[in-house]
Protein backbone atom coordinates (compact mmCIF):
# COMPACT_ATOMS: atom_id res chain seq x y z
CA MET A 1 49.17 8.47 -50.13
CA ASN A 2 52.23 6.22 -50.45
CA ILE A 3 51.69 2.47 -50.76
CA ALA A 4 54.68 0.09 -50.50
CA LEU A 5 54.45 -3.03 -52.67
CA ASP A 6 56.83 -5.96 -52.39
CA ILE A 7 57.42 -6.81 -56.05
CA MET A 8 59.50 -9.88 -55.15
CA GLY A 9 56.69 -11.66 -53.27
CA GLY A 10 54.74 -14.45 -54.94
CA ASP A 11 55.43 -17.31 -57.31
CA TYR A 12 55.39 -15.09 -60.39
CA ALA A 13 57.42 -12.15 -59.11
CA PRO A 14 58.21 -9.56 -60.21
CA GLU A 15 56.37 -9.76 -63.55
CA GLN A 16 52.84 -10.24 -62.21
CA ALA A 17 53.30 -7.62 -59.51
CA LEU A 18 54.36 -5.03 -62.08
CA LEU A 19 51.60 -6.02 -64.48
CA GLY A 20 49.25 -5.53 -61.56
CA VAL A 21 50.67 -2.07 -60.97
CA ARG A 22 49.98 -1.15 -64.60
CA GLN A 23 46.48 -2.58 -64.37
CA PHE A 24 45.75 -0.59 -61.22
CA PHE A 25 46.89 2.69 -62.77
CA GLN A 26 44.91 2.00 -65.93
CA GLU A 27 41.73 1.27 -63.97
CA HIS A 28 42.14 4.13 -61.46
CA PRO A 29 43.29 7.21 -63.39
CA GLY A 30 43.79 10.18 -61.15
CA GLN A 31 43.98 8.12 -57.96
CA PRO A 32 46.16 10.14 -55.54
CA VAL A 33 48.59 7.33 -54.81
CA HIS A 34 52.33 6.89 -55.25
CA LEU A 35 53.66 3.35 -55.20
CA LEU A 36 56.96 2.36 -53.60
CA LEU A 37 58.00 -0.75 -55.53
CA VAL A 38 60.31 -2.66 -53.22
CA GLY A 39 62.65 -5.28 -54.69
CA ARG A 40 65.73 -6.10 -56.70
CA PRO A 41 66.25 -3.45 -59.41
CA GLU A 42 67.94 -5.95 -61.73
CA ALA A 43 64.94 -8.28 -61.47
CA ALA A 44 62.47 -5.47 -62.10
CA GLN A 45 64.35 -3.81 -64.96
CA PRO A 46 63.18 -6.14 -67.79
CA PHE A 47 59.55 -5.35 -66.94
CA LEU A 48 59.68 -1.62 -66.23
CA GLN A 49 58.91 -0.81 -69.85
CA ILE A 50 55.27 -1.72 -69.19
CA LEU A 51 55.11 1.15 -66.66
CA GLN A 52 56.48 3.75 -69.06
CA ASP A 53 53.23 5.73 -69.03
CA PHE A 54 53.23 5.86 -65.22
CA GLN A 55 56.82 6.81 -64.43
CA HIS A 56 55.80 9.69 -62.17
CA PHE A 57 53.52 7.50 -60.05
CA TYR A 58 56.03 5.06 -58.65
CA THR A 59 59.51 4.88 -57.12
CA LEU A 60 61.70 1.80 -57.24
CA VAL A 61 63.05 1.10 -53.73
CA PRO A 62 66.08 -1.24 -53.82
CA ALA A 63 66.08 -4.38 -51.67
CA SER A 64 68.85 -6.86 -52.39
CA GLU A 65 67.39 -9.91 -50.63
CA VAL A 66 64.25 -12.03 -50.85
CA ILE A 67 62.64 -14.15 -48.13
CA GLY A 68 61.68 -17.51 -49.61
CA MET A 69 58.25 -19.01 -49.10
CA HIS A 70 59.56 -21.82 -46.88
CA GLU A 71 62.03 -19.88 -44.76
CA HIS A 72 61.49 -19.50 -41.02
CA PRO A 73 59.78 -16.09 -40.66
CA THR A 74 61.51 -14.68 -37.57
CA LYS A 75 64.93 -16.02 -38.53
CA ALA A 76 64.63 -14.77 -42.10
CA LEU A 77 63.61 -11.24 -41.06
CA LYS A 78 66.55 -11.09 -38.66
CA GLU A 79 69.12 -12.52 -41.08
CA LYS A 80 67.85 -10.67 -44.17
CA PRO A 81 67.43 -7.02 -43.12
CA ASP A 82 67.61 -5.92 -46.77
CA SER A 83 64.87 -8.28 -47.92
CA SER A 84 61.92 -6.77 -49.74
CA ILE A 85 59.60 -7.62 -46.84
CA ALA A 86 61.93 -6.13 -44.21
CA VAL A 87 62.49 -2.97 -46.27
CA GLY A 88 58.75 -2.63 -46.85
CA PHE A 89 57.97 -2.88 -43.15
CA GLY A 90 60.78 -0.43 -42.43
CA ALA A 91 59.16 2.12 -44.72
CA LEU A 92 55.84 1.54 -43.01
CA ALA A 93 57.27 1.84 -39.50
CA ARG A 94 59.09 5.09 -40.37
CA GLY A 95 56.02 6.66 -41.93
CA LYS A 96 57.49 6.64 -45.45
CA ALA A 97 54.61 4.40 -46.54
CA ASP A 98 50.97 4.47 -45.48
CA ALA A 99 50.36 0.78 -46.24
CA PHE A 100 52.33 -2.32 -47.23
CA ILE A 101 51.42 -5.17 -49.57
CA SER A 102 53.16 -8.48 -50.23
CA ALA A 103 52.32 -11.88 -51.66
CA GLY A 104 55.49 -13.28 -50.15
CA ASN A 105 56.16 -15.42 -47.08
CA THR A 106 52.93 -15.24 -45.03
CA GLY A 107 54.69 -15.96 -41.74
CA ALA A 108 57.19 -13.17 -42.32
CA MET A 109 54.35 -10.79 -43.11
CA LEU A 110 52.61 -11.68 -39.86
CA VAL A 111 55.79 -11.41 -37.80
CA GLY A 112 56.57 -8.07 -39.43
CA SER A 113 53.05 -6.86 -38.70
CA MET A 114 53.38 -7.76 -35.03
CA TYR A 115 56.90 -6.53 -34.36
CA SER A 116 57.45 -3.70 -36.86
CA VAL A 117 54.03 -2.05 -36.95
CA LYS A 118 52.73 -3.55 -33.69
CA ALA A 119 49.22 -4.09 -32.39
CA ILE A 120 47.01 -1.13 -31.57
CA GLU A 121 46.83 -0.42 -27.85
CA GLY A 122 43.99 -2.42 -26.37
CA VAL A 123 43.93 -5.07 -29.11
CA LEU A 124 44.66 -8.45 -27.57
CA ARG A 125 45.46 -10.20 -30.85
CA PRO A 126 45.48 -8.90 -34.41
CA THR A 127 43.47 -11.00 -36.82
CA ILE A 128 43.28 -11.76 -40.52
CA ALA A 129 39.99 -11.73 -42.36
CA SER A 130 38.61 -12.77 -45.72
CA PRO A 131 35.53 -11.91 -47.77
CA LEU A 132 33.10 -14.73 -48.51
CA PRO A 133 30.76 -14.37 -51.50
CA ARG A 134 27.06 -14.34 -50.76
CA THR A 135 24.20 -15.22 -53.04
CA ASP A 136 23.01 -11.62 -53.48
CA GLY A 137 26.28 -10.63 -55.16
CA SER A 138 27.89 -8.93 -52.17
CA PHE A 139 30.31 -10.36 -49.60
CA ASN A 140 30.30 -11.45 -45.99
CA PHE A 141 33.42 -11.02 -43.88
CA LEU A 142 34.93 -14.01 -42.02
CA LEU A 143 37.51 -13.75 -39.25
CA ASP A 144 39.79 -15.11 -37.96
CA VAL A 145 40.94 -17.21 -40.91
CA GLY A 146 44.22 -18.63 -39.72
CA ILE A 147 46.57 -16.85 -37.32
CA ASN A 148 44.67 -17.45 -34.06
CA ALA A 149 43.94 -21.16 -33.94
CA ASP A 150 43.23 -21.14 -30.19
CA CYS A 151 41.14 -18.28 -28.82
CA LYS A 152 39.43 -17.01 -25.72
CA PRO A 153 35.94 -15.47 -25.76
CA GLU A 154 37.44 -11.99 -25.43
CA HIS A 155 39.38 -12.54 -28.66
CA LEU A 156 36.22 -13.39 -30.59
CA LEU A 157 34.58 -10.25 -29.22
CA GLN A 158 37.44 -8.12 -30.50
CA PHE A 159 37.41 -9.90 -33.88
CA ALA A 160 33.74 -8.97 -34.15
CA ILE A 161 34.50 -5.31 -33.42
CA LEU A 162 37.44 -5.20 -35.86
CA GLY A 163 35.39 -6.90 -38.57
CA SER A 164 32.41 -4.59 -38.04
CA LEU A 165 34.57 -1.47 -38.28
CA TYR A 166 36.22 -2.79 -41.46
CA VAL A 167 32.88 -3.54 -43.13
CA GLN A 168 31.57 -0.14 -42.12
CA HIS A 169 34.57 2.00 -43.13
CA VAL A 170 36.05 0.09 -46.08
CA LEU A 171 33.06 -1.71 -47.57
CA GLY A 172 30.65 1.12 -46.79
CA LYS A 173 27.94 -0.88 -45.01
CA GLU A 174 26.46 0.91 -42.02
CA ASN A 175 25.63 -1.03 -38.85
CA PRO A 176 26.69 -4.49 -40.11
CA SER A 177 25.26 -7.55 -38.41
CA VAL A 178 27.56 -9.99 -36.60
CA GLY A 179 27.15 -13.75 -36.29
CA LEU A 180 29.01 -16.38 -34.27
CA LEU A 181 29.93 -19.47 -36.30
CA ASN A 182 28.49 -22.45 -34.45
CA ILE A 183 26.97 -25.92 -34.85
CA GLY A 184 23.44 -24.74 -34.14
CA GLU A 185 21.33 -21.60 -34.06
CA GLU A 186 20.13 -21.81 -30.47
CA GLU A 187 21.87 -19.94 -27.67
CA GLY A 188 23.84 -22.41 -25.56
CA LYS A 189 24.96 -24.51 -28.53
CA GLY A 190 28.57 -25.31 -29.32
CA ASN A 191 31.79 -25.84 -27.44
CA ILE A 192 32.93 -23.97 -24.33
CA LEU A 193 34.42 -21.14 -26.40
CA ALA A 194 31.22 -20.52 -28.38
CA GLN A 195 29.03 -20.73 -25.29
CA ALA A 196 31.21 -18.20 -23.45
CA ALA A 197 31.55 -15.84 -26.44
CA TYR A 198 27.82 -15.67 -27.16
CA PRO A 199 26.81 -13.43 -24.20
CA LEU A 200 29.80 -11.15 -24.77
CA LEU A 201 28.72 -10.55 -28.36
CA LYS A 202 25.05 -10.28 -27.44
CA GLU A 203 25.59 -7.69 -24.73
CA HIS A 204 28.20 -5.47 -26.39
CA PRO A 205 26.67 -2.08 -27.25
CA ALA A 206 28.86 -1.52 -30.33
CA LEU A 207 27.68 -4.69 -32.10
CA ARG A 208 24.47 -5.65 -33.89
CA PHE A 209 24.59 -9.32 -32.94
CA SER A 210 22.35 -11.65 -34.94
CA GLY A 211 23.15 -14.82 -32.98
CA ASN A 212 24.69 -18.09 -34.03
CA VAL A 213 25.19 -18.88 -37.70
CA GLU A 214 25.84 -22.33 -39.11
CA GLY A 215 28.04 -23.41 -41.97
CA ARG A 216 25.09 -23.26 -44.36
CA ASP A 217 24.66 -19.56 -43.53
CA LEU A 218 28.16 -18.47 -44.57
CA PHE A 219 27.06 -17.49 -48.07
CA GLY A 220 23.70 -16.03 -47.09
CA ASP A 221 22.51 -12.78 -45.56
CA LYS A 222 22.11 -13.78 -41.92
CA ALA A 223 25.28 -11.97 -40.84
CA ASP A 224 27.62 -9.51 -42.56
CA VAL A 225 30.49 -10.39 -40.23
CA VAL A 226 31.08 -13.96 -39.04
CA VAL A 227 33.52 -14.63 -36.20
CA CYS A 228 35.27 -17.83 -35.17
CA GLU A 229 38.65 -19.10 -34.04
CA GLY A 230 41.32 -19.30 -36.73
CA PHE A 231 41.34 -23.10 -36.90
CA VAL A 232 37.71 -23.26 -37.96
CA GLY A 233 37.96 -20.12 -40.09
CA ASN A 234 40.90 -21.43 -42.08
CA VAL A 235 39.13 -24.74 -42.76
CA ALA A 236 36.04 -22.87 -43.94
CA LEU A 237 38.08 -20.54 -46.15
CA LYS A 238 40.09 -23.35 -47.77
CA MET A 239 36.87 -25.28 -48.42
CA ALA A 240 35.39 -22.21 -50.13
CA GLU A 241 38.52 -21.86 -52.27
CA SER A 242 38.27 -25.52 -53.28
CA ILE A 243 34.69 -24.99 -54.50
CA TYR A 244 35.94 -22.51 -57.08
CA GLN A 245 38.92 -24.65 -58.04
CA ILE A 246 36.91 -27.85 -58.52
CA PHE A 247 33.89 -26.47 -60.34
CA SER A 248 35.32 -23.53 -62.26
CA GLU A 249 38.92 -24.43 -63.00
CA GLN A 250 38.67 -28.23 -63.20
CA ARG A 251 35.13 -28.75 -64.51
CA GLY A 252 34.66 -25.55 -66.47
CA VAL A 253 31.41 -24.54 -64.79
CA GLN A 254 30.49 -20.91 -65.52
CA ASP A 255 28.27 -19.17 -62.99
CA ASP A 256 28.16 -15.61 -61.63
CA PHE A 257 28.00 -16.67 -57.99
CA LEU A 258 30.74 -19.26 -58.44
CA GLY A 259 32.94 -16.65 -60.08
CA HIS A 260 32.88 -14.61 -56.88
CA PHE A 261 34.89 -17.35 -55.17
CA ASN A 262 37.91 -16.36 -57.25
CA TYR A 263 40.41 -14.92 -54.73
CA GLU A 264 41.67 -12.47 -57.39
CA LEU A 265 38.50 -10.43 -57.04
CA TYR A 266 39.46 -9.24 -53.56
CA GLY A 267 43.22 -9.58 -53.91
CA GLY A 268 44.55 -10.26 -50.44
CA THR A 269 43.87 -10.65 -46.76
CA PRO A 270 43.96 -7.57 -44.51
CA VAL A 271 45.66 -7.79 -41.12
CA LEU A 272 43.34 -6.03 -38.67
CA GLY A 273 44.22 -4.58 -35.29
CA ILE A 274 47.68 -3.20 -36.12
CA ASN A 275 48.79 0.41 -36.45
CA SER A 276 48.98 0.56 -40.27
CA PRO A 277 47.25 -1.20 -43.19
CA VAL A 278 48.95 -4.45 -44.23
CA ILE A 279 47.66 -6.70 -47.02
CA ILE A 280 48.86 -10.30 -47.45
CA GLY A 281 48.43 -11.75 -50.92
CA HIS A 282 48.14 -15.33 -52.13
CA GLY A 283 51.44 -16.86 -53.25
CA ILE A 284 50.04 -17.50 -56.72
CA SER A 285 48.75 -13.95 -57.13
CA SER A 286 48.35 -12.73 -60.70
CA ALA A 287 48.21 -9.18 -62.05
CA ARG A 288 44.48 -8.93 -61.29
CA ALA A 289 45.06 -9.91 -57.66
CA PHE A 290 47.89 -7.37 -57.25
CA ALA A 291 45.76 -4.60 -58.77
CA ASN A 292 42.96 -5.38 -56.33
CA MET A 293 45.36 -5.55 -53.38
CA ILE A 294 46.54 -2.04 -54.20
CA ASP A 295 42.93 -0.90 -54.41
CA VAL A 296 42.11 -2.40 -51.00
CA ALA A 297 45.21 -0.79 -49.47
CA CYS A 298 44.12 2.59 -50.83
CA LYS A 299 40.63 2.17 -49.40
CA MET A 300 41.95 1.10 -46.01
CA THR A 301 44.30 4.10 -45.93
CA SER A 302 41.79 6.74 -47.04
CA SER A 303 38.80 5.41 -45.11
CA GLY A 304 40.01 6.33 -41.64
CA LEU A 305 39.85 2.67 -40.58
CA ILE A 306 43.01 2.67 -38.47
CA GLU A 307 41.87 5.83 -36.68
CA ALA A 308 38.51 4.15 -36.00
CA PHE A 309 40.31 1.13 -34.53
CA LYS A 310 42.47 3.33 -32.33
CA SER A 311 39.53 5.43 -31.19
CA HIS A 312 37.50 2.41 -30.15
CA PHE A 313 40.21 0.38 -28.44
CA THR A 314 41.96 3.30 -26.79
CA ALA A 315 38.65 4.36 -25.27
CA THR A 316 38.00 0.77 -24.17
CA ALA A 317 41.47 0.45 -22.63
CA THR A 318 41.00 3.60 -20.53
CA VAL A 319 37.61 2.58 -19.13
């Protein structure tokens, strides 16, 4: 498989991206993957020595421009066709790459996902998802976490299906349970959106719906997949990130469960519901995060996830 990696994305590019490449190859010897490292050759050159042992496992793909973190996504993609993000999406759209990773401008990554790769037929809105650590050492899966602030009940139903298929195919958990994030456990609780989404989730034959889950259930075992609109999901995700930052980084607390809040463990955020795997990394991604993003991209590519998405939603669209 061929995985495109934007080495110019992130606050510490390209050094940390290339260190992450080395770390991935060291930790996954024999993995059948070839990396397309997209970026400025002159910026990458001082760091290529660290990849000397892996010369046959990557190709440097020139891209003369970089989209800054604060640039307008649509405008930047249009005005910078030779940017690392635009070149990466071009490789993905032409089938030269099987997946694309970047820790660069999040908006540009989302725009590129929508207009270069495009949504799978039948998917109303692609979504982004994030793992949440749970007390038994595994992870729950929360979506949407930021790109769909306002949703309809049908969107939450599709998020549940996308999340369930991801957990099943990529994380290897059969028949995952699904919960609806709400302000109470009882059916009929919540705002108009939650009340309307509940029966859709409950009655859908492809879902194992476990009912409403509250904020206190996010790190427990009540539901493997938790769905909500992106406004609420982003608030919950940022709060979880702050727990790690405050207690681990600022106060020096060492705890196994707390350590699982470190975003580097899972690397980046997958965009679900589009025609190819896309992973969006945190702007401050380190080598560990990049290595894990590559690993996730490999798993998404080899797991048959996209085919499972297409099979489900194409069948639904033709009913």
